[in-house]
């Protein structure tokens, strides 16, 4: 999906001839996993787990 590649939402909406609201309602719930992953990477506990599994 182009949104994952960093393409702005208005650009995707214009190029697919759909509304921003439609895209947000149908595709943003799937991005929750990505957001959780990004947020977890900044947590010290997560970074400690990464270090301990790489040994």
PDB file of N, CA and C in Angstrom:
ATOM      1  N   UNK A   1       0.840  -1.180   0.000  1.00  0.00           N
ATOM      2  CA  UNK A   1       0.000   0.000   0.000  1.00  0.00           C
ATOM      3  C   UNK A   1       0.885   1.244   0.000  1.00  0.00           C
ATOM      4  N   UNK A   2       0.521   2.200  -0.775  1.00  0.00           N
ATOM      5  CA  UNK A   2       1.335   3.407  -0.914  1.00  0.00           C
ATOM      6  C   UNK A   2       1.456   4.196   0.381  1.00  0.00           C
ATOM      7  N   UNK A   3       0.454   4.115   1.244  1.00  0.00           N
ATOM      8  CA  UNK A   3       0.542   4.831   2.514  1.00  0.00           C
ATOM      9  C   UNK A   3       1.707   4.295   3.344  1.00  0.00           C
ATOM     10  N   UNK A   4       1.944   2.999   3.279  1.00  0.00           N
ATOM     11  CA  UNK A   4       3.071   2.398   3.993  1.00  0.00           C
ATOM     12  C   UNK A   4       4.400   2.888   3.440  1.00  0.00           C
ATOM     13  N   UNK A   5       4.401   3.257   2.178  1.00  0.00           N
ATOM     14  CA  UNK A   5       5.623   3.738   1.545  1.00  0.00           C
ATOM     15  C   UNK A   5       5.852   5.225   1.820  1.00  0.00           C
ATOM     16  N   UNK A   6       4.921   5.859   2.539  1.00  0.00           N
ATOM     17  CA  UNK A   6       5.091   7.257   2.902  1.00  0.00           C
ATOM     18  C   UNK A   6       4.402   8.256   1.997  1.00  0.00           C
ATOM     19  N   UNK A   7       3.584   7.763   1.071  1.00  0.00           N
ATOM     20  CA  UNK A   7       2.852   8.678   0.191  1.00  0.00           C
ATOM     21  C   UNK A   7       1.740   9.335   1.013  1.00  0.00           C
ATOM     22  N   UNK A   8       1.613  10.655   0.970  1.00  0.00           N
ATOM     23  CA  UNK A   8       0.581  11.351   1.760  1.00  0.00           C
ATOM     24  C   UNK A   8      -0.832  10.898   1.391  1.00  0.00           C
ATOM     25  N   UNK A   9      -1.680  10.833   2.387  1.00  0.00           N
ATOM     26  CA  UNK A   9      -3.063  10.400   2.193  1.00  0.00           C
ATOM     27  C   UNK A   9      -3.800  11.186   1.108  1.00  0.00           C
ATOM     28  N   UNK A  10      -3.701  12.522   1.058  1.00  0.00           N
ATOM     29  CA  UNK A  10      -4.407  13.249  -0.008  1.00  0.00           C
ATOM     30  C   UNK A  10      -3.951  12.836  -1.413  1.00  0.00           C
ATOM     31  N   UNK A  11      -2.699  12.504  -1.559  1.00  0.00           N
ATOM     32  CA  UNK A  11      -2.180  12.082  -2.861  1.00  0.00           C
ATOM     33  C   UNK A  11      -2.766  10.726  -3.255  1.00  0.00           C
ATOM     34  N   UNK A  12      -2.798   9.799  -2.306  1.00  0.00           N
ATOM     35  CA  UNK A  12      -3.380   8.481  -2.578  1.00  0.00           C
ATOM     36  C   UNK A  12      -4.859   8.634  -2.932  1.00  0.00           C
ATOM     37  N   UNK A  13      -5.583   9.443  -2.170  1.00  0.00           N
ATOM     38  CA  UNK A  13      -7.013   9.640  -2.434  1.00  0.00           C
ATOM     39  C   UNK A  13      -7.249  10.232  -3.820  1.00  0.00           C
ATOM     40  N   UNK A  14      -6.475  11.217  -4.181  1.00  0.00           N
ATOM     41  CA  UNK A  14      -6.649  11.854  -5.498  1.00  0.00           C
ATOM     42  C   UNK A  14      -6.329  10.894  -6.634  1.00  0.00           C
ATOM     43  N   UNK A  15      -5.292  10.098  -6.461  1.00  0.00           N
ATOM     44  CA  UNK A  15      -4.883   9.185  -7.533  1.00  0.00           C
ATOM     45  C   UNK A  15      -5.750   7.935  -7.637  1.00  0.00           C
ATOM     46  N   UNK A  16      -6.507   7.638  -6.606  1.00  0.00           N
ATOM     47  CA  UNK A  16      -7.400   6.477  -6.658  1.00  0.00           C
ATOM     48  C   UNK A  16      -8.867   6.883  -6.811  1.00  0.00           C
ATOM     49  N   UNK A  17      -9.088   8.182  -6.945  1.00  0.00           N
ATOM     50  CA  UNK A  17     -10.429   8.724  -7.127  1.00  0.00           C
ATOM     51  C   UNK A  17     -11.385   8.279  -6.017  1.00  0.00           C
ATOM     52  N   UNK A  18     -10.894   8.382  -4.786  1.00  0.00           N
ATOM     53  CA  UNK A  18     -11.723   8.076  -3.619  1.00  0.00           C
ATOM     54  C   UNK A  18     -11.485   9.139  -2.556  1.00  0.00           C
ATOM     55  N   UNK A  19     -12.249   9.084  -1.496  1.00  0.00           N
ATOM     56  CA  UNK A  19     -12.115  10.114  -0.463  1.00  0.00           C
ATOM     57  C   UNK A  19     -11.116   9.698   0.608  1.00  0.00           C
ATOM     58  N   UNK A  20     -10.594  10.704   1.298  1.00  0.00           N
ATOM     59  CA  UNK A  20      -9.688  10.433   2.420  1.00  0.00           C
ATOM     60  C   UNK A  20     -10.452   9.677   3.502  1.00  0.00           C
ATOM     61  N   UNK A  21     -11.707  10.050   3.704  1.00  0.00           N
ATOM     62  CA  UNK A  21     -12.517   9.400   4.735  1.00  0.00           C
ATOM     63  C   UNK A  21     -12.662   7.901   4.449  1.00  0.00           C
ATOM     64  N   UNK A  22     -12.911   7.539   3.201  1.00  0.00           N
ATOM     65  CA  UNK A  22     -13.056   6.129   2.835  1.00  0.00           C
ATOM     66  C   UNK A  22     -11.767   5.366   3.125  1.00  0.00           C
ATOM     67  N   UNK A  23     -10.661   5.933   2.746  1.00  0.00           N
ATOM     68  CA  UNK A  23      -9.369   5.273   2.984  1.00  0.00           C
ATOM     69  C   UNK A  23      -9.140   5.108   4.482  1.00  0.00           C
ATOM     70  N   UNK A  24      -9.407   6.146   5.253  1.00  0.00           N
ATOM     71  CA  UNK A  24      -9.212   6.070   6.697  1.00  0.00           C
ATOM     72  C   UNK A  24     -10.112   5.007   7.326  1.00  0.00           C
ATOM     73  N   UNK A  25     -11.349   4.928   6.894  1.00  0.00           N
ATOM     74  CA  UNK A  25     -12.285   3.966   7.467  1.00  0.00           C
ATOM     75  C   UNK A  25     -11.947   2.523   7.104  1.00  0.00           C
ATOM     76  N   UNK A  26     -11.406   2.318   5.913  1.00  0.00           N
ATOM     77  CA  UNK A  26     -11.179   0.957   5.447  1.00  0.00           C
ATOM     78  C   UNK A  26      -9.751   0.447   5.581  1.00  0.00           C
ATOM     79  N   UNK A  27      -8.784   1.305   5.627  1.00  0.00           N
ATOM     80  CA  UNK A  27      -7.398   0.846   5.640  1.00  0.00           C
ATOM     81  C   UNK A  27      -6.615   1.200   6.889  1.00  0.00           C
ATOM     82  N   UNK A  28      -7.000   2.231   7.610  1.00  0.00           N
ATOM     83  CA  UNK A  28      -6.232   2.624   8.785  1.00  0.00           C
ATOM     84  C   UNK A  28      -6.273   1.599   9.913  1.00  0.00           C
ATOM     85  N   UNK A  29      -7.375   0.856  10.122  1.00  0.00           N
ATOM     86  CA  UNK A  29      -7.329  -0.160  11.184  1.00  0.00           C
ATOM     87  C   UNK A  29      -6.212  -1.186  10.969  1.00  0.00           C
ATOM     88  N   UNK A  30      -5.870  -1.470   9.742  1.00  0.00           N
ATOM     89  CA  UNK A  30      -4.811  -2.432   9.451  1.00  0.00           C
ATOM     90  C   UNK A  30      -3.437  -1.875   9.796  1.00  0.00           C
ATOM     91  N   UNK A  31      -3.338  -0.579   9.902  1.00  0.00           N
ATOM     92  CA  UNK A  31      -2.062   0.053  10.223  1.00  0.00           C
ATOM     93  C   UNK A  31      -1.813   0.113  11.725  1.00  0.00           C
ATOM     94  N   UNK A  32      -2.781  -0.322  12.518  1.00  0.00           N
ATOM     95  CA  UNK A  32      -2.610  -0.308  13.972  1.00  0.00           C
ATOM     96  C   UNK A  32      -1.413  -1.158  14.385  1.00  0.00           C
ATOM     97  N   UNK A  33      -1.230  -2.286  13.723  1.00  0.00           N
ATOM     98  CA  UNK A  33      -0.092  -3.155  14.036  1.00  0.00           C
ATOM     99  C   UNK A  33       1.225  -2.428  13.780  1.00  0.00           C
ATOM    100  N   UNK A  34       1.299  -1.713  12.664  1.00  0.00           N
ATOM    101  CA  UNK A  34       2.514  -0.958  12.347  1.00  0.00           C
ATOM    102  C   UNK A  34       2.792   0.095  13.408  1.00  0.00           C
ATOM    103  N   UNK A  35       1.755   0.795  13.836  1.00  0.00           N
ATOM    104  CA  UNK A  35       1.920   1.831  14.846  1.00  0.00           C
ATOM    105  C   UNK A  35       2.395   1.237  16.162  1.00  0.00           C
ATOM    106  N   UNK A  36       1.819   0.119  16.545  1.00  0.00           N
ATOM    107  CA  UNK A  36       2.218  -0.539  17.785  1.00  0.00           C
ATOM    108  C   UNK A  36       3.672  -0.949  17.720  1.00  0.00           C
ATOM    109  N   UNK A  37       4.073  -1.501  16.616  1.00  0.00           N
ATOM    110  CA  UNK A  37       5.463  -1.927  16.421  1.00  0.00           C
ATOM    111  C   UNK A  37       6.422  -0.738  16.551  1.00  0.00           C
ATOM    112  N   UNK A  38       6.084   0.376  15.923  1.00  0.00           N
ATOM    113  CA  UNK A  38       6.937   1.570  15.975  1.00  0.00           C
ATOM    114  C   UNK A  38       7.017   2.108  17.398  1.00  0.00           C
ATOM    115  N   UNK A  39       5.882   2.171  18.075  1.00  0.00           N
ATOM    116  CA  UNK A  39       5.858   2.685  19.446  1.00  0.00           C
ATOM    117  C   UNK A  39       6.622   1.767  20.398  1.00  0.00           C
ATOM    118  N   UNK A  40       6.518   0.476  20.197  1.00  0.00           N
ATOM    119  CA  UNK A  40       7.203  -0.477  21.078  1.00  0.00           C
ATOM    120  C   UNK A  40       8.725  -0.371  20.942  1.00  0.00           C
ATOM    121  N   UNK A  41       9.197  -0.043  19.777  1.00  0.00           N
ATOM    122  CA  UNK A  41      10.644   0.043  19.563  1.00  0.00           C
ATOM    123  C   UNK A  41      11.300   1.122  20.415  1.00  0.00           C
ATOM    124  N   UNK A  42      10.539   2.107  20.837  1.00  0.00           N
ATOM    125  CA  UNK A  42      11.111   3.179  21.642  1.00  0.00           C
ATOM    126  C   UNK A  42      11.091   2.853  23.135  1.00  0.00           C
ATOM    127  N   UNK A  43      10.456   1.761  23.505  1.00  0.00           N
ATOM    128  CA  UNK A  43      10.372   1.388  24.923  1.00  0.00           C
ATOM    129  C   UNK A  43      11.634   0.660  25.360  1.00  0.00           C
ATOM    130  N   UNK A  44      12.195   1.003  26.506  1.00  0.00           N
ATOM    131  CA  UNK A  44      13.417   0.366  26.989  1.00  0.00           C
ATOM    132  C   UNK A  44      13.284  -1.150  27.139  1.00  0.00           C
ATOM    133  N   UNK A  45      12.122  -1.640  27.606  1.00  0.00           N
ATOM    134  CA  UNK A  45      11.950  -3.082  27.784  1.00  0.00           C
ATOM    135  C   UNK A  45      12.088  -3.826  26.462  1.00  0.00           C
ATOM    136  N   UNK A  46      11.550  -3.235  25.406  1.00  0.00           N
ATOM    137  CA  UNK A  46      11.615  -3.846  24.078  1.00  0.00           C
ATOM    138  C   UNK A  46      13.060  -3.896  23.598  1.00  0.00           C
ATOM    139  N   UNK A  47      13.786  -2.815  23.799  1.00  0.00           N
ATOM    140  CA  UNK A  47      15.176  -2.767  23.369  1.00  0.00           C
ATOM    141  C   UNK A  47      16.020  -3.755  24.160  1.00  0.00           C
ATOM    142  N   UNK A  48      15.717  -3.936  25.438  1.00  0.00           N
ATOM    143  CA  UNK A  48      16.437  -4.912  26.241  1.00  0.00           C
ATOM    144  C   UNK A  48      16.187  -6.317  25.738  1.00  0.00           C
ATOM    145  N   UNK A  49      14.934  -6.612  25.353  1.00  0.00           N
ATOM    146  CA  UNK A  49      14.611  -7.930  24.796  1.00  0.00           C
ATOM    147  C   UNK A  49      15.359  -8.179  23.497  1.00  0.00           C
ATOM    148  N   UNK A  50      15.470  -7.164  22.670  1.00  0.00           N
ATOM    149  CA  UNK A  50      16.197  -7.318  21.412  1.00  0.00           C
ATOM    150  C   UNK A  50      17.665  -7.638  21.674  1.00  0.00           C
ATOM    151  N   UNK A  51      18.258  -6.971  22.631  1.00  0.00           N
ATOM    152  CA  UNK A  51      19.665  -7.213  22.960  1.00  0.00           C
ATOM    153  C   UNK A  51      19.869  -8.607  23.517  1.00  0.00           C
ATOM    154  N   UNK A  52      18.969  -9.069  24.366  1.00  0.00           N
ATOM    155  CA  UNK A  52      19.140 -10.380  24.983  1.00  0.00           C
ATOM    156  C   UNK A  52      18.884 -11.523  23.992  1.00  0.00           C
ATOM    157  N   UNK A  53      18.072 -11.308  22.958  1.00  0.00           N
ATOM    158  CA  UNK A  53      17.818 -12.369  21.977  1.00  0.00           C
ATOM    159  C   UNK A  53      18.910 -12.442  20.932  1.00  0.00           C
ATOM    160  N   UNK A  54      19.714 -11.411  20.796  1.00  0.00           N
ATOM    161  CA  UNK A  54      20.755 -11.425  19.766  1.00  0.00           C
ATOM    162  C   UNK A  54      22.038 -12.078  20.264  1.00  0.00           C
ATOM    163  N   UNK A  55      22.109 -12.432  21.529  1.00  0.00           N
ATOM    164  CA  UNK A  55      23.319 -13.064  22.072  1.00  0.00           C
ATOM    165  C   UNK A  55      23.345 -14.544  21.814  1.00  0.00           C
TER     166      UNK A  55
END
